[in-house]
C-alpha cells in the first residue's frame, strides 16, 4: 500500500532523493538549490529540512504546511464554505465532477486561456485507473510531520498566498501562522491580491516578481 504521508512524498521527490548524489543539482551548484513548492509544499518542507545544508532559500506557494482545523464560525465565509464542501465531496465520493468544480472555484476571476481544455484533461486523467484513489489518499494525509519541522527551518523562506484562496478563511493569517512557527526572522509572507489557490498560474508575472526579489535578497550574497 503506497504511503501518501508528506514525509514519504517528499522523500520520493527526485530533487530531494538525489540531492546528495555526486551528480545532483544541489551538489553541483549549491547556490541553485532553491526549492519552490505549490500544493505539495508540505512535502517539500519535509524534504528541505533533510538537506538544509544544501539549501539557500525556500519558497512555498499556497502551502498546506500546518495541521488544519475547522471552526464552526469559519463556515460563515461563503468562499471557504463552498471550497470545503467541494473538497469534502470529492474526497468522500471520488467525484471527478466535484474536483473539477473545486478547481474552478480555486481560480477566482482570472483563468488561464486554455482553462476549458485543461479541465477536460484533468477529468480524463482522473478517469484512469487509481488516479482518483491516489488523489483522495493524498488529500487525506495530514501535514503534521511538515508542521513539526517548521521550528527546525533556518534557511530564508517566502510564503506566497492568494488573497482569495478558498482553502482558508484568511489566507494571509495562514501564511503568518506558518512564519510564526519558524524561528524569528526566517520567514516572510507575500499575498497576491485576487489570486486563489494557484497564484503562480493565475498571476505568473506577479509571482515571479516576488520570487526574484526574495532570491536576490536572500540567496545571491
C-alpha atoms as a PDB file:
ATOM      1  CA  UNK A   1       0.000   0.000   0.000  1.00  0.00           C
ATOM      2  CA  UNK A   2       1.567   3.336  -1.017  1.00  0.00           C
ATOM      3  CA  UNK A   3       2.373   5.786   1.759  1.00  0.00           C
ATOM      4  CA  UNK A   4       0.933   9.235   0.962  1.00  0.00           C
ATOM      5  CA  UNK A   5       2.213  10.973   4.096  1.00  0.00           C
ATOM      6  CA  UNK A   6       4.075  14.221   3.310  1.00  0.00           C
ATOM      7  CA  UNK A   7       7.369  12.854   4.613  1.00  0.00           C
ATOM      8  CA  UNK A   8       7.163   9.895   2.248  1.00  0.00           C
ATOM      9  CA  UNK A   9       6.090  12.029  -0.705  1.00  0.00           C
ATOM     10  CA  UNK A  10       8.907  14.460  -0.015  1.00  0.00           C
ATOM     11  CA  UNK A  11      11.448  11.687   0.346  1.00  0.00           C
ATOM     12  CA  UNK A  12      10.429  10.279  -3.025  1.00  0.00           C
ATOM     13  CA  UNK A  13      10.790  13.633  -4.807  1.00  0.00           C
ATOM     14  CA  UNK A  14      13.827  13.423  -7.150  1.00  0.00           C
ATOM     15  CA  UNK A  15      15.261  16.797  -6.100  1.00  0.00           C
ATOM     16  CA  UNK A  16      15.489  15.561  -2.511  1.00  0.00           C
ATOM     17  CA  UNK A  17      16.168  11.887  -3.185  1.00  0.00           C
ATOM     18  CA  UNK A  18      19.130  12.749  -5.426  1.00  0.00           C
ATOM     19  CA  UNK A  19      20.305  15.923  -3.707  1.00  0.00           C
ATOM     20  CA  UNK A  20      23.364  14.244  -2.180  1.00  0.00           C
ATOM     21  CA  UNK A  21      24.180  12.180  -5.235  1.00  0.00           C
ATOM     22  CA  UNK A  22      27.517  13.221  -6.774  1.00  0.00           C
ATOM     23  CA  UNK A  23      25.729  14.489  -9.875  1.00  0.00           C
ATOM     24  CA  UNK A  24      22.769  16.009  -8.006  1.00  0.00           C
ATOM     25  CA  UNK A  25      21.840  19.608  -8.771  1.00  0.00           C
ATOM     26  CA  UNK A  26      22.387  20.834  -5.240  1.00  0.00           C
ATOM     27  CA  UNK A  27      25.749  19.064  -5.016  1.00  0.00           C
ATOM     28  CA  UNK A  28      26.970  20.552  -8.302  1.00  0.00           C
ATOM     29  CA  UNK A  29      25.538  24.026  -7.731  1.00  0.00           C
ATOM     30  CA  UNK A  30      24.715  24.703  -4.073  1.00  0.00           C
ATOM     31  CA  UNK A  31      23.722  28.249  -4.977  1.00  0.00           C
ATOM     32  CA  UNK A  32      20.950  26.851  -7.195  1.00  0.00           C
ATOM     33  CA  UNK A  33      19.208  24.823  -4.502  1.00  0.00           C
ATOM     34  CA  UNK A  34      16.130  26.951  -4.009  1.00  0.00           C
ATOM     35  CA  UNK A  35      13.101  24.607  -3.856  1.00  0.00           C
ATOM     36  CA  UNK A  36       9.760  26.094  -4.812  1.00  0.00           C
ATOM     37  CA  UNK A  37       6.555  24.274  -3.929  1.00  0.00           C
ATOM     38  CA  UNK A  38       2.840  24.776  -4.668  1.00  0.00           C
ATOM     39  CA  UNK A  39       0.254  22.471  -3.114  1.00  0.00           C
ATOM     40  CA  UNK A  40       2.959  19.881  -2.392  1.00  0.00           C
ATOM     41  CA  UNK A  41       4.819  22.454  -0.335  1.00  0.00           C
ATOM     42  CA  UNK A  42       4.289  20.426   2.820  1.00  0.00           C
ATOM     43  CA  UNK A  43       6.204  17.541   1.267  1.00  0.00           C
ATOM     44  CA  UNK A  44       8.834  19.972   0.037  1.00  0.00           C
ATOM     45  CA  UNK A  45       9.196  21.371   3.541  1.00  0.00           C
ATOM     46  CA  UNK A  46       9.895  17.923   4.983  1.00  0.00           C
ATOM     47  CA  UNK A  47      12.362  17.185   2.208  1.00  0.00           C
ATOM     48  CA  UNK A  48      14.140  20.513   2.579  1.00  0.00           C
ATOM     49  CA  UNK A  49      14.711  20.008   6.294  1.00  0.00           C
ATOM     50  CA  UNK A  50      16.544  16.797   5.427  1.00  0.00           C
ATOM     51  CA  UNK A  51      19.044  18.680   3.211  1.00  0.00           C
ATOM     52  CA  UNK A  52      19.211  22.075   4.928  1.00  0.00           C
ATOM     53  CA  UNK A  53      22.963  22.296   4.481  1.00  0.00           C
ATOM     54  CA  UNK A  54      22.421  22.335   0.703  1.00  0.00           C
ATOM     55  CA  UNK A  55      19.531  24.783   0.580  1.00  0.00           C
ATOM     56  CA  UNK A  56      19.874  28.551   0.267  1.00  0.00           C
ATOM     57  CA  UNK A  57      16.194  29.512   0.196  1.00  0.00           C
ATOM     58  CA  UNK A  58      12.678  28.070   0.141  1.00  0.00           C
ATOM     59  CA  UNK A  59       9.519  29.427  -1.499  1.00  0.00           C
ATOM     60  CA  UNK A  60       6.135  27.906  -0.747  1.00  0.00           C
ATOM     61  CA  UNK A  61       3.092  28.709  -2.863  1.00  0.00           C
ATOM     62  CA  UNK A  62      -0.245  28.498  -1.022  1.00  0.00           C
ATOM     63  CA  UNK A  63       1.085  25.609   1.074  1.00  0.00           C
ATOM     64  CA  UNK A  64      -0.627  23.174   3.408  1.00  0.00           C
ATOM     65  CA  UNK A  65       2.198  23.118   5.931  1.00  0.00           C
ATOM     66  CA  UNK A  66       0.273  23.113   9.213  1.00  0.00           C
ATOM     67  CA  UNK A  67      -2.342  20.761  10.621  1.00  0.00           C
ATOM     68  CA  UNK A  68      -5.743  22.210   9.761  1.00  0.00           C
ATOM     69  CA  UNK A  69      -8.872  22.517  11.866  1.00  0.00           C
ATOM     70  CA  UNK A  70     -12.314  23.868  11.008  1.00  0.00           C
ATOM     71  CA  UNK A  71     -14.135  26.150  13.432  1.00  0.00           C
ATOM     72  CA  UNK A  72     -17.900  26.478  13.110  1.00  0.00           C
ATOM     73  CA  UNK A  73     -17.521  30.207  12.577  1.00  0.00           C
ATOM     74  CA  UNK A  74     -15.295  29.589   9.554  1.00  0.00           C
ATOM     75  CA  UNK A  75     -18.320  28.370   7.633  1.00  0.00           C
ATOM     76  CA  UNK A  76     -19.720  31.907   7.624  1.00  0.00           C
ATOM     77  CA  UNK A  77     -17.287  32.607   4.793  1.00  0.00           C
ATOM     78  CA  UNK A  78     -19.105  31.687   1.572  1.00  0.00           C
ATOM     79  CA  UNK A  79     -15.844  31.304  -0.351  1.00  0.00           C
ATOM     80  CA  UNK A  80     -14.346  28.991   2.273  1.00  0.00           C
ATOM     81  CA  UNK A  81     -17.567  27.049   2.832  1.00  0.00           C
ATOM     82  CA  UNK A  82     -18.024  26.298  -0.861  1.00  0.00           C
ATOM     83  CA  UNK A  83     -14.417  25.174  -1.259  1.00  0.00           C
ATOM     84  CA  UNK A  84     -14.547  22.974   1.840  1.00  0.00           C
ATOM     85  CA  UNK A  85     -17.753  21.217   0.764  1.00  0.00           C
ATOM     86  CA  UNK A  86     -16.452  20.618  -2.765  1.00  0.00           C
ATOM     87  CA  UNK A  87     -13.202  19.151  -1.428  1.00  0.00           C
ATOM     88  CA  UNK A  88     -15.055  17.017   1.105  1.00  0.00           C
ATOM     89  CA  UNK A  89     -17.447  15.730  -1.532  1.00  0.00           C
ATOM     90  CA  UNK A  90     -14.641  14.907  -3.947  1.00  0.00           C
ATOM     91  CA  UNK A  91     -12.783  13.030  -1.210  1.00  0.00           C
ATOM     92  CA  UNK A  92     -15.803  11.122   0.092  1.00  0.00           C
ATOM     93  CA  UNK A  93     -17.305  10.111  -3.235  1.00  0.00           C
ATOM     94  CA  UNK A  94     -14.269  10.125  -5.503  1.00  0.00           C
ATOM     95  CA  UNK A  95     -16.137  12.548  -7.717  1.00  0.00           C
ATOM     96  CA  UNK A  96     -14.243  13.932 -10.698  1.00  0.00           C
ATOM     97  CA  UNK A  97     -17.046  16.422 -11.241  1.00  0.00           C
ATOM     98  CA  UNK A  98     -16.770  17.850  -7.718  1.00  0.00           C
ATOM     99  CA  UNK A  99     -12.989  18.062  -8.024  1.00  0.00           C
ATOM    100  CA  UNK A 100     -13.385  19.959 -11.292  1.00  0.00           C
ATOM    101  CA  UNK A 101     -15.808  22.362  -9.623  1.00  0.00           C
ATOM    102  CA  UNK A 102     -13.331  22.860  -6.786  1.00  0.00           C
ATOM    103  CA  UNK A 103     -10.568  23.729  -9.269  1.00  0.00           C
ATOM    104  CA  UNK A 104     -12.865  26.231 -10.962  1.00  0.00           C
ATOM    105  CA  UNK A 105     -13.595  27.764  -7.546  1.00  0.00           C
ATOM    106  CA  UNK A 106      -9.886  27.819  -6.666  1.00  0.00           C
ATOM    107  CA  UNK A 107      -9.226  30.010  -9.726  1.00  0.00           C
ATOM    108  CA  UNK A 108     -11.460  33.026  -8.939  1.00  0.00           C
ATOM    109  CA  UNK A 109     -11.674  35.660 -11.639  1.00  0.00           C
ATOM    110  CA  UNK A 110      -8.689  35.359 -13.994  1.00  0.00           C
ATOM    111  CA  UNK A 111      -8.195  31.924 -15.546  1.00  0.00           C
ATOM    112  CA  UNK A 112      -5.594  30.582 -17.995  1.00  0.00           C
ATOM    113  CA  UNK A 113      -6.512  30.919 -21.682  1.00  0.00           C
ATOM    114  CA  UNK A 114      -6.696  27.133 -22.064  1.00  0.00           C
ATOM    115  CA  UNK A 115      -8.834  26.645 -18.955  1.00  0.00           C
ATOM    116  CA  UNK A 116     -11.623  24.602 -20.588  1.00  0.00           C
ATOM    117  CA  UNK A 117      -9.134  22.296 -22.299  1.00  0.00           C
ATOM    118  CA  UNK A 118      -7.160  21.937 -19.090  1.00  0.00           C
ATOM    119  CA  UNK A 119     -10.209  20.916 -17.088  1.00  0.00           C
ATOM    120  CA  UNK A 120     -11.009  18.393 -19.791  1.00  0.00           C
ATOM    121  CA  UNK A 121      -7.544  16.878 -19.439  1.00  0.00           C
ATOM    122  CA  UNK A 122      -7.926  16.770 -15.648  1.00  0.00           C
ATOM    123  CA  UNK A 123     -11.215  14.897 -15.952  1.00  0.00           C
ATOM    124  CA  UNK A 124      -9.760  12.464 -18.454  1.00  0.00           C
ATOM    125  CA  UNK A 125      -6.678  11.806 -16.328  1.00  0.00           C
ATOM    126  CA  UNK A 126      -8.685  11.246 -13.149  1.00  0.00           C
ATOM    127  CA  UNK A 127     -10.783   8.743 -15.058  1.00  0.00           C
ATOM    128  CA  UNK A 128      -7.752   6.494 -15.427  1.00  0.00           C
ATOM    129  CA  UNK A 129      -7.366   3.553 -13.001  1.00  0.00           C
ATOM    130  CA  UNK A 130      -6.255   4.534  -9.488  1.00  0.00           C
ATOM    131  CA  UNK A 131      -5.773   8.239 -10.318  1.00  0.00           C
ATOM    132  CA  UNK A 132      -8.669   9.428  -8.164  1.00  0.00           C
ATOM    133  CA  UNK A 133      -7.730   6.944  -5.464  1.00  0.00           C
ATOM    134  CA  UNK A 134      -4.250   8.472  -5.291  1.00  0.00           C
ATOM    135  CA  UNK A 135      -5.692  11.993  -5.150  1.00  0.00           C
ATOM    136  CA  UNK A 136      -8.056  11.011  -2.335  1.00  0.00           C
ATOM    137  CA  UNK A 137      -5.252   9.392  -0.344  1.00  0.00           C
ATOM    138  CA  UNK A 138      -3.056  12.449  -0.739  1.00  0.00           C
ATOM    139  CA  UNK A 139      -5.910  14.684   0.400  1.00  0.00           C
ATOM    140  CA  UNK A 140      -6.492  12.540   3.476  1.00  0.00           C
ATOM    141  CA  UNK A 141      -2.884  12.838   4.654  1.00  0.00           C
ATOM    142  CA  UNK A 142      -2.312  15.358   7.433  1.00  0.00           C
ATOM    143  CA  UNK A 143       0.617  17.808   7.281  1.00  0.00           C
ATOM    144  CA  UNK A 144       1.556  17.120  10.907  1.00  0.00           C
ATOM    145  CA  UNK A 145       5.087  15.973  10.060  1.00  0.00           C
ATOM    146  CA  UNK A 146       5.685  19.058   7.916  1.00  0.00           C
ATOM    147  CA  UNK A 147       4.350  21.365  10.603  1.00  0.00           C
ATOM    148  CA  UNK A 148       6.544  19.712  13.202  1.00  0.00           C
ATOM    149  CA  UNK A 149       9.625  20.640  11.158  1.00  0.00           C
ATOM    150  CA  UNK A 150       8.901  24.363  10.904  1.00  0.00           C
ATOM    151  CA  UNK A 151      10.847  25.127  14.067  1.00  0.00           C
ATOM    152  CA  UNK A 152      13.922  23.489  12.530  1.00  0.00           C
ATOM    153  CA  UNK A 153      13.990  25.657   9.412  1.00  0.00           C
ATOM    154  CA  UNK A 154      16.982  28.011   9.340  1.00  0.00           C
ATOM    155  CA  UNK A 155      17.083  28.974   5.676  1.00  0.00           C
ATOM    156  CA  UNK A 156      15.141  32.065   4.478  1.00  0.00           C
ATOM    157  CA  UNK A 157      11.587  31.188   3.464  1.00  0.00           C
ATOM    158  CA  UNK A 158       8.937  33.039   1.472  1.00  0.00           C
ATOM    159  CA  UNK A 159       5.287  32.048   1.853  1.00  0.00           C
ATOM    160  CA  UNK A 160       3.135  33.255  -1.051  1.00  0.00           C
ATOM    161  CA  UNK A 161      -0.636  33.252  -0.612  1.00  0.00           C
ATOM    162  CA  UNK A 162      -3.535  34.241  -2.850  1.00  0.00           C
ATOM    163  CA  UNK A 163      -5.926  36.685  -1.190  1.00  0.00           C
ATOM    164  CA  UNK A 164      -8.951  34.708  -2.438  1.00  0.00           C
ATOM    165  CA  UNK A 165      -7.648  31.207  -1.748  1.00  0.00           C
ATOM    166  CA  UNK A 166     -10.765  29.231  -0.758  1.00  0.00           C
ATOM    167  CA  UNK A 167      -8.789  26.790   1.361  1.00  0.00           C
ATOM    168  CA  UNK A 168      -8.527  29.314   4.178  1.00  0.00           C
ATOM    169  CA  UNK A 169     -10.876  31.901   5.643  1.00  0.00           C
ATOM    170  CA  UNK A 170      -7.919  34.276   5.901  1.00  0.00           C
ATOM    171  CA  UNK A 171      -5.030  33.260   3.617  1.00  0.00           C
ATOM    172  CA  UNK A 172      -2.711  35.957   4.991  1.00  0.00           C
ATOM    173  CA  UNK A 173      -3.306  34.720   8.533  1.00  0.00           C
ATOM    174  CA  UNK A 174      -2.449  31.170   7.431  1.00  0.00           C
ATOM    175  CA  UNK A 175       0.809  32.360   5.911  1.00  0.00           C
ATOM    176  CA  UNK A 176       1.635  34.362   9.016  1.00  0.00           C
ATOM    177  CA  UNK A 177       0.944  31.311  11.197  1.00  0.00           C
ATOM    178  CA  UNK A 178       3.443  29.281   9.155  1.00  0.00           C
ATOM    179  CA  UNK A 179       6.048  32.005   9.574  1.00  0.00           C
ATOM    180  CA  UNK A 180       5.307  32.293  13.304  1.00  0.00           C
ATOM    181  CA  UNK A 181       6.134  28.596  13.733  1.00  0.00           C
ATOM    182  CA  UNK A 182       9.603  29.171  12.273  1.00  0.00           C
ATOM    183  CA  UNK A 183      12.492  30.748  14.170  1.00  0.00           C
ATOM    184  CA  UNK A 184      12.206  34.525  14.356  1.00  0.00           C
ATOM    185  CA  UNK A 185      13.329  36.357  11.229  1.00  0.00           C
ATOM    186  CA  UNK A 186      13.449  33.288   8.976  1.00  0.00           C
ATOM    187  CA  UNK A 187      10.152  33.577   7.102  1.00  0.00           C
ATOM    188  CA  UNK A 188       8.110  36.245   5.377  1.00  0.00           C
ATOM    189  CA  UNK A 189       4.662  36.366   3.780  1.00  0.00           C
ATOM    190  CA  UNK A 190       3.522  37.887   0.486  1.00  0.00           C
ATOM    191  CA  UNK A 191      -0.104  37.981  -0.657  1.00  0.00           C
ATOM    192  CA  UNK A 192      -1.163  38.345  -4.294  1.00  0.00           C
ATOM    193  CA  UNK A 193      -4.476  40.197  -4.469  1.00  0.00           C
ATOM    194  CA  UNK A 194      -7.204  38.473  -6.452  1.00  0.00           C
ATOM    195  CA  UNK A 195      -5.390  35.131  -6.654  1.00  0.00           C
ATOM    196  CA  UNK A 196      -6.830  31.849  -5.475  1.00  0.00           C
ATOM    197  CA  UNK A 197      -5.024  28.650  -4.536  1.00  0.00           C
ATOM    198  CA  UNK A 198      -2.732  28.705  -7.580  1.00  0.00           C
ATOM    199  CA  UNK A 199      -1.245  32.232  -7.643  1.00  0.00           C
ATOM    200  CA  UNK A 200       1.680  31.155  -9.822  1.00  0.00           C
ATOM    201  CA  UNK A 201      -0.747  30.058 -12.545  1.00  0.00           C
ATOM    202  CA  UNK A 202      -3.225  32.926 -12.301  1.00  0.00           C
ATOM    203  CA  UNK A 203      -0.686  35.679 -11.783  1.00  0.00           C
ATOM    204  CA  UNK A 204       2.653  34.346 -13.065  1.00  0.00           C
ATOM    205  CA  UNK A 205       4.296  37.734 -13.546  1.00  0.00           C
ATOM    206  CA  UNK A 206       3.436  38.912 -10.042  1.00  0.00           C
ATOM    207  CA  UNK A 207       4.539  35.596  -8.546  1.00  0.00           C
ATOM    208  CA  UNK A 208       7.857  35.571 -10.405  1.00  0.00           C
ATOM    209  CA  UNK A 209       8.489  39.180  -9.378  1.00  0.00           C
ATOM    210  CA  UNK A 210       8.070  38.253  -5.710  1.00  0.00           C
ATOM    211  CA  UNK A 211      10.279  35.198  -6.112  1.00  0.00           C
ATOM    212  CA  UNK A 212      13.087  37.044  -7.867  1.00  0.00           C
ATOM    213  CA  UNK A 213      13.105  39.819  -5.279  1.00  0.00           C
ATOM    214  CA  UNK A 214      13.283  37.238  -2.490  1.00  0.00           C
ATOM    215  CA  UNK A 215      16.076  35.282  -4.157  1.00  0.00           C
ATOM    216  CA  UNK A 216      18.043  38.428  -4.900  1.00  0.00           C
ATOM    217  CA  UNK A 217      17.841  39.455  -1.251  1.00  0.00           C
ATOM    218  CA  UNK A 218      18.486  36.120   0.414  1.00  0.00           C
ATOM    219  CA  UNK A 219      20.363  33.748  -1.870  1.00  0.00           C
ATOM    220  CA  UNK A 220      22.717  35.678  -4.110  1.00  0.00           C
ATOM    221  CA  UNK A 221      25.010  37.191  -1.484  1.00  0.00           C
END
